[in-house]
Amino acid sequence: MEEISTVLAKQLPQEIIFEILLRLPIKSFLKFRSVSKSWLSLISSPLFNKTHVSFTLNNPKMTDFRLAVIASVSKLGRICNIYNMGFEKDSFFTVVKHSNPAKSLSLSAKILGSCNGLICLTSDRFTLMLFNPCTGNFNVFPDSMLKDNSGGCYVRYGFGYDSCNEDYKVVKIFSFPRAEGRYENMVKVYSLKAKSWSTVEGFNSGNINGKLGVFVNGALHWEACYNYCSSDSWEIVTLDLAAGQYGKIALPRYEDEGIYWTLGVSRGYLVACCNYEPKKADMWVMKEYGVEKSWTKLVTMSLPVDRRDYISLLFVTENCSLAQS
């Protein structure tokens, strides 16, 4: 194999080999890491990884697997197994089981989010993990904890990519209840590049209902509420990962009381699902990011049971095919 790669290197410029490997399915170029040291170095380089992610996102037909699925979750919400489930051009669904990175460390883990094919998990030993299901590689780093939590607080997470600084970041929000339905938040951000936690000041809101932030357009999004009895008290709070700035996005307005919002993302668009009485749910998509008037209702659903907190976006079908969510 080493001889073959040496011959190719003499006949083809490194840039051409780079472009060829870039267009191969993940399963193929992962096998080619064993061809030679030079190919291993190329495929393992940050430049190749970054370029491959961008190329794959802009060329959906290159994607081998579209949906990462957690099967076998315990009653406590802990992950037992991780699977990739997807479809290929001429076949039905294919399923591949991956090793659970937490099990190898004797940990129990929960998923915090995913971005660019990477999965972020938290464990029961105050550690976080970044897992690549395609390669099986993972990084472990410390979680952020409060020295004194005697007053009690809620914890929310988010995971996304800062494209300006080429850095993956984990956000952890400690929310402390205050008067009139407001919450004082302490926000910590972990930089994978700097390998450290920092604090982002100035974030106050209602109750952040979403436990996990939704990553869209370079920012994390959580649904927040000041008064669950009022339909006008809901909004989306955001954190731009590059600028470290907070923002707000208005949700579609409803006359009904007792509504309940959940967020999702489909093909890069922010999606909001409004659950309302009696047993109804509307799904909306924001066609132009940040523009309130661009909210467009996709569908109204009748729910078989009154469990509003269970209704959220998993995936969307389009022209009889599975669309990435």
Protein backbone atom coordinates (compact mmCIF):
# COMPACT_ATOMS: atom_id res chain seq x y z
CA MET A 1 0.00 0.00 0.00
CA GLU A 2 2.82 2.39 0.88
CA GLU A 3 4.33 1.81 -2.56
CA ILE A 4 1.01 2.57 -4.27
CA SER A 5 0.63 5.87 -2.43
CA THR A 6 4.24 6.78 -3.27
CA VAL A 7 3.59 6.15 -6.98
CA LEU A 8 0.38 8.21 -6.84
CA ALA A 9 2.18 11.01 -5.05
CA LYS A 10 4.74 11.15 -7.87
CA GLN A 11 2.09 11.12 -10.59
CA LEU A 12 -0.52 13.35 -8.94
CA PRO A 13 -0.05 16.60 -7.03
CA GLN A 14 -1.06 16.55 -3.37
CA GLU A 15 -3.88 18.97 -4.16
CA ILE A 16 -5.46 16.49 -6.61
CA ILE A 17 -5.25 13.62 -4.10
CA PHE A 18 -6.87 15.94 -1.55
CA GLU A 19 -9.78 16.65 -3.92
CA ILE A 20 -10.24 12.96 -4.79
CA LEU A 21 -10.35 11.87 -1.15
CA LEU A 22 -12.70 14.74 -0.38
CA ARG A 23 -15.32 13.32 -2.75
CA LEU A 24 -15.24 9.79 -1.39
CA PRO A 25 -17.85 8.44 1.04
CA ILE A 26 -16.75 8.59 4.67
CA LYS A 27 -16.54 4.80 4.92
CA SER A 28 -14.07 4.72 2.02
CA PHE A 29 -11.63 7.43 3.00
CA LEU A 30 -11.53 6.18 6.59
CA LYS A 31 -10.24 2.86 5.23
CA PHE A 32 -7.60 4.73 3.23
CA ARG A 33 -6.00 6.07 6.41
CA SER A 34 -4.07 2.80 6.55
CA VAL A 35 -2.66 3.18 3.01
CA SER A 36 0.32 5.28 4.08
CA LYS A 37 1.56 7.70 6.70
CA SER A 38 1.15 10.59 4.29
CA TRP A 39 -2.51 9.72 3.60
CA LEU A 40 -3.16 9.26 7.31
CA SER A 41 -1.67 12.68 7.98
CA LEU A 42 -3.73 14.23 5.17
CA ILE A 43 -7.06 12.67 6.19
CA SER A 44 -6.46 13.46 9.88
CA SER A 45 -5.54 17.10 9.27
CA PRO A 46 -7.83 19.90 10.54
CA LEU A 47 -7.93 21.38 7.01
CA PHE A 48 -9.25 18.14 5.50
CA ASN A 49 -11.84 17.71 8.25
CA LYS A 50 -13.05 21.29 7.90
CA THR A 51 -13.20 21.11 4.10
CA HIS A 52 -14.96 17.73 4.14
CA VAL A 53 -17.66 19.01 6.51
CA SER A 54 -18.27 22.05 4.31
CA PHE A 55 -18.27 19.95 1.12
CA THR A 56 -20.70 17.40 2.57
CA LEU A 57 -23.11 20.03 3.90
CA ASN A 58 -23.22 21.71 0.50
CA ASN A 59 -23.56 18.40 -1.38
CA PRO A 60 -26.32 16.36 0.33
CA LYS A 61 -25.92 13.49 -2.19
CA MET A 62 -22.49 12.83 -0.69
CA THR A 63 -23.94 12.05 2.72
CA ASP A 64 -23.88 8.33 3.53
CA PHE A 65 -26.03 8.64 6.64
CA ARG A 66 -28.49 11.43 7.29
CA LEU A 67 -29.71 10.86 10.82
CA ALA A 68 -27.91 9.97 14.03
CA VAL A 69 -30.26 8.02 16.27
CA ILE A 70 -29.95 7.12 19.92
CA ALA A 71 -31.59 3.75 20.39
CA SER A 72 -31.83 1.98 23.74
CA VAL A 73 -32.11 4.84 26.21
CA SER A 74 -32.58 3.86 29.84
CA LYS A 75 -35.45 5.03 32.05
CA LEU A 76 -33.13 7.68 33.46
CA GLY A 77 -32.46 9.07 30.00
CA ARG A 78 -28.97 7.62 29.82
CA ILE A 79 -27.60 6.35 26.53
CA CYS A 80 -27.12 2.62 26.13
CA ASN A 81 -26.26 2.47 22.42
CA ILE A 82 -25.64 4.89 19.55
CA TYR A 83 -26.66 4.11 15.98
CA ASN A 84 -26.39 5.81 12.60
CA MET A 85 -29.55 5.35 10.56
CA GLY A 86 -29.83 6.63 7.03
CA PHE A 87 -30.58 5.80 3.46
CA GLU A 88 -28.55 5.38 0.32
CA LYS A 89 -29.56 6.02 -3.26
CA ASP A 90 -30.63 2.51 -4.26
CA SER A 91 -31.43 0.94 -0.91
CA PHE A 92 -33.78 1.18 2.03
CA PHE A 93 -32.69 2.29 5.49
CA THR A 94 -29.29 1.12 6.64
CA VAL A 95 -28.36 0.96 10.31
CA VAL A 96 -24.88 0.92 11.81
CA LYS A 97 -24.23 0.46 15.53
CA HIS A 98 -21.40 2.46 17.08
CA SER A 99 -19.49 1.88 20.27
CA ASN A 100 -20.71 4.08 23.12
CA PRO A 101 -17.74 6.28 24.13
CA ALA A 102 -19.12 6.64 27.66
CA LYS A 103 -19.11 2.87 28.20
CA SER A 104 -15.40 2.65 27.48
CA LEU A 105 -14.85 5.08 30.36
CA SER A 106 -17.43 3.38 32.62
CA LEU A 107 -19.67 6.46 32.43
CA SER A 108 -23.38 7.10 31.92
CA ALA A 109 -24.00 9.83 29.36
CA LYS A 110 -26.72 12.05 27.94
CA ILE A 111 -26.68 13.88 24.61
CA LEU A 112 -26.44 17.69 24.71
CA GLY A 113 -26.49 18.38 20.99
CA SER A 114 -24.93 17.70 17.61
CA CYS A 115 -23.25 19.86 14.98
CA ASN A 116 -21.43 19.02 11.73
CA GLY A 117 -21.69 15.32 12.48
CA LEU A 118 -20.19 15.61 15.98
CA ILE A 119 -22.16 14.67 19.10
CA CYS A 120 -21.67 16.39 22.45
CA LEU A 121 -22.46 14.37 25.58
CA THR A 122 -22.41 14.93 29.32
CA SER A 123 -21.62 12.21 31.84
CA ASP A 124 -22.49 11.53 35.46
CA ARG A 125 -18.92 12.28 36.54
CA PHE A 126 -18.96 15.99 35.68
CA THR A 127 -17.22 15.53 32.34
CA LEU A 128 -18.23 16.37 28.78
CA MET A 129 -17.42 14.42 25.63
CA LEU A 130 -17.23 15.31 21.96
CA PHE A 131 -17.82 12.18 19.88
CA ASN A 132 -17.35 11.59 16.16
CA PRO A 133 -19.54 8.55 15.27
CA CYS A 134 -17.90 8.22 11.85
CA THR A 135 -14.37 7.75 13.16
CA GLY A 136 -15.16 6.56 16.68
CA ASN A 137 -12.83 9.24 18.10
CA PHE A 138 -13.81 11.32 21.11
CA ASN A 139 -12.41 14.05 23.37
CA VAL A 140 -13.14 14.32 27.10
CA PHE A 141 -13.07 17.65 28.93
CA PRO A 142 -14.28 18.95 32.33
CA ASP A 143 -17.78 20.29 32.90
CA SER A 144 -18.33 23.65 34.62
CA MET A 145 -19.69 23.43 38.16
CA LEU A 146 -20.85 25.97 40.75
CA LYS A 147 -18.87 26.20 43.97
CA ASP A 148 -22.05 27.02 45.91
CA ASN A 149 -25.47 25.88 44.68
CA SER A 150 -27.29 26.08 48.00
CA GLY A 151 -29.91 28.43 46.52
CA GLY A 152 -30.90 26.01 43.76
CA CYS A 153 -30.89 26.60 40.01
CA TYR A 154 -31.88 25.09 36.67
CA VAL A 155 -29.20 24.02 34.18
CA ARG A 156 -29.44 24.33 30.39
CA TYR A 157 -26.91 23.37 27.72
CA GLY A 158 -26.13 24.13 24.09
CA PHE A 159 -23.53 23.01 21.54
CA GLY A 160 -22.51 24.64 18.27
CA TYR A 161 -19.76 25.83 15.95
CA ASP A 162 -18.14 29.28 15.88
CA SER A 163 -17.23 29.56 12.20
CA CYS A 164 -15.42 32.89 12.62
CA ASN A 165 -12.91 31.39 15.01
CA GLU A 166 -13.19 27.79 13.71
CA ASP A 167 -14.04 26.59 17.19
CA TYR A 168 -16.63 24.23 18.66
CA LYS A 169 -18.25 25.57 21.83
CA VAL A 170 -20.39 24.22 24.66
CA VAL A 171 -22.69 26.62 26.51
CA LYS A 172 -23.95 25.95 30.03
CA ILE A 173 -26.58 28.19 31.63
CA PHE A 174 -27.26 28.27 35.37
CA SER A 175 -30.72 29.87 35.87
CA PHE A 176 -31.68 31.27 39.28
CA PRO A 177 -35.40 32.09 39.88
CA ARG A 178 -36.16 35.71 40.77
CA ALA A 179 -39.35 37.77 41.22
CA GLU A 180 -42.15 38.18 38.63
CA GLY A 181 -41.22 35.15 36.56
CA ARG A 182 -37.76 36.42 35.72
CA TYR A 183 -34.51 34.51 35.99
CA GLU A 184 -30.96 35.59 36.58
CA ASN A 185 -28.60 33.57 34.42
CA MET A 186 -24.95 32.72 34.76
CA VAL A 187 -23.61 31.67 31.34
CA LYS A 188 -20.42 29.66 30.89
CA VAL A 189 -18.88 28.89 27.48
CA TYR A 190 -16.31 26.18 26.84
CA SER A 191 -13.96 26.67 23.88
CA LEU A 192 -12.62 23.43 22.42
CA LYS A 193 -9.76 25.40 20.85
CA ALA A 194 -8.76 27.24 24.05
CA LYS A 195 -9.63 24.21 26.22
CA SER A 196 -11.11 26.45 28.90
CA TRP A 197 -14.36 27.88 30.28
CA SER A 198 -15.22 31.59 30.22
CA THR A 199 -18.18 33.65 31.46
CA VAL A 200 -20.49 35.69 29.22
CA GLU A 201 -22.26 38.43 31.19
CA GLY A 202 -25.58 40.21 30.75
CA PHE A 203 -28.07 37.42 30.05
CA ASN A 204 -31.42 37.78 31.86
CA SER A 205 -34.64 36.16 30.68
CA GLY A 206 -37.80 34.36 31.62
CA ASN A 207 -37.70 30.66 32.39
CA ILE A 208 -35.56 29.00 29.72
CA ASN A 209 -37.88 26.15 28.88
CA GLY A 210 -35.69 24.36 26.35
CA LYS A 211 -33.14 22.17 28.12
CA LEU A 212 -30.94 21.99 25.01
CA GLY A 213 -30.16 24.91 22.72
CA VAL A 214 -30.95 24.68 18.99
CA PHE A 215 -28.04 25.72 16.76
CA VAL A 216 -29.00 27.82 13.72
CA ASN A 217 -27.19 30.57 11.81
CA GLY A 218 -24.18 30.62 14.13
CA ALA A 219 -26.26 31.03 17.29
CA LEU A 220 -27.88 28.87 19.95
CA HIS A 221 -31.61 29.26 20.58
CA TRP A 222 -33.78 28.44 23.60
CA GLU A 223 -37.50 28.97 24.08
CA ALA A 224 -38.19 31.11 27.17
CA CYS A 225 -41.38 32.05 29.04
CA TYR A 226 -42.22 34.70 31.64
CA ASN A 227 -45.77 33.52 32.35
CA TYR A 228 -47.15 30.14 31.26
CA CYS A 229 -50.72 31.47 31.50
CA SER A 230 -50.11 34.12 28.83
CA SER A 231 -49.51 33.35 25.16
CA ASP A 232 -47.63 36.66 24.68
CA SER A 233 -45.01 35.83 27.31
CA TRP A 234 -43.05 33.40 25.11
CA GLU A 235 -39.95 34.37 23.11
CA ILE A 236 -36.75 32.87 21.74
CA VAL A 237 -33.50 33.89 23.42
CA THR A 238 -30.27 33.54 21.44
CA LEU A 239 -26.53 33.54 21.96
CA ASP A 240 -24.22 34.28 19.02
CA LEU A 241 -21.22 31.99 19.50
CA ALA A 242 -18.76 34.17 17.58
CA ALA A 243 -19.69 37.58 19.00
CA GLY A 244 -20.79 36.35 22.43
CA GLN A 245 -23.89 38.55 22.15
CA TYR A 246 -27.43 37.81 23.29
CA GLY A 247 -30.56 38.44 21.28
CA LYS A 248 -34.29 37.77 21.11
CA ILE A 249 -36.60 36.50 18.36
CA ALA A 250 -40.38 36.89 18.52
CA LEU A 251 -42.58 33.82 18.06
CA PRO A 252 -45.88 33.74 16.14
CA ARG A 253 -48.74 35.17 18.22
CA TYR A 254 -51.64 33.10 19.56
CA GLU A 255 -54.88 34.02 21.32
CA ASP A 256 -55.00 30.71 23.20
CA GLU A 257 -53.82 30.42 26.77
CA GLY A 258 -51.68 27.58 28.07
CA ILE A 259 -49.60 27.24 24.90
CA TYR A 260 -46.24 25.50 24.95
CA TRP A 261 -43.39 26.01 22.47
CA THR A 262 -40.55 23.72 21.40
CA LEU A 263 -37.78 24.49 18.89
CA GLY A 264 -36.01 22.52 16.19
CA VAL A 265 -34.04 22.96 12.98
CA SER A 266 -34.57 21.60 9.47
CA ARG A 267 -32.15 22.19 6.58
CA GLY A 268 -30.68 25.19 8.38
CA TYR A 269 -34.06 26.83 9.09
CA LEU A 270 -35.34 27.57 12.58
CA VAL A 271 -38.51 25.59 13.30
CA ALA A 272 -40.97 26.20 16.16
CA CYS A 273 -43.77 23.88 17.26
CA CYS A 274 -46.68 25.44 19.18
CA ASN A 275 -48.63 22.97 21.32
CA TYR A 276 -52.03 24.29 22.45
CA GLU A 277 -55.35 23.11 23.82
CA PRO A 278 -57.16 20.93 23.04
CA LYS A 279 -54.61 18.46 21.72
CA LYS A 280 -53.42 20.55 18.77
CA ALA A 281 -49.96 21.50 17.50
CA ASP A 282 -48.82 23.89 14.76
CA MET A 283 -45.40 23.68 13.14
CA TRP A 284 -43.80 26.93 11.91
CA VAL A 285 -40.61 27.64 9.96
CA MET A 286 -38.72 30.96 9.88
CA LYS A 287 -37.91 31.34 6.18
CA GLU A 288 -35.78 34.47 6.66
CA TYR A 289 -33.69 34.29 9.80
CA GLY A 290 -34.45 36.97 12.37
CA VAL A 291 -37.44 38.37 10.45
CA GLU A 292 -40.64 37.91 12.46
CA LYS A 293 -42.91 38.29 9.43
CA SER A 294 -41.21 35.35 7.72
CA TRP A 295 -42.72 32.80 10.15
CA THR A 296 -44.73 30.41 7.96
CA LYS A 297 -47.07 27.72 9.24
CA LEU A 298 -46.22 24.32 7.75
CA VAL A 299 -48.89 22.08 9.23
CA THR A 300 -51.51 21.73 11.98
CA MET A 301 -51.57 18.38 13.78
CA SER A 302 -54.18 16.69 15.97
CA LEU A 303 -52.60 14.94 18.93
CA PRO A 304 -53.84 11.55 20.17
CA VAL A 305 -53.05 12.39 23.79
CA ASP A 306 -52.67 15.56 25.82
CA ARG A 307 -48.91 15.46 26.32
CA ARG A 308 -47.77 18.75 24.86
CA ASP A 309 -44.20 18.48 26.09
CA TYR A 310 -43.64 15.41 23.90
CA ILE A 311 -44.26 17.16 20.58
CA SER A 312 -41.10 18.43 18.88
CA LEU A 313 -39.42 18.17 15.48
CA LEU A 314 -37.57 14.93 14.72
CA PHE A 315 -37.33 14.99 10.93
CA VAL A 316 -39.21 16.31 7.91
CA THR A 317 -40.18 14.42 4.75
CA GLU A 318 -39.90 16.12 1.40
CA ASN A 319 -40.81 14.53 -1.96
CA CYS A 320 -41.01 11.11 -0.28
CA SER A 321 -37.47 11.36 1.08
CA LEU A 322 -36.06 12.03 4.51
CA ALA A 323 -34.91 15.59 4.97
CA GLN A 324 -32.15 16.25 7.47
CA SER A 325 -33.38 17.86 10.70
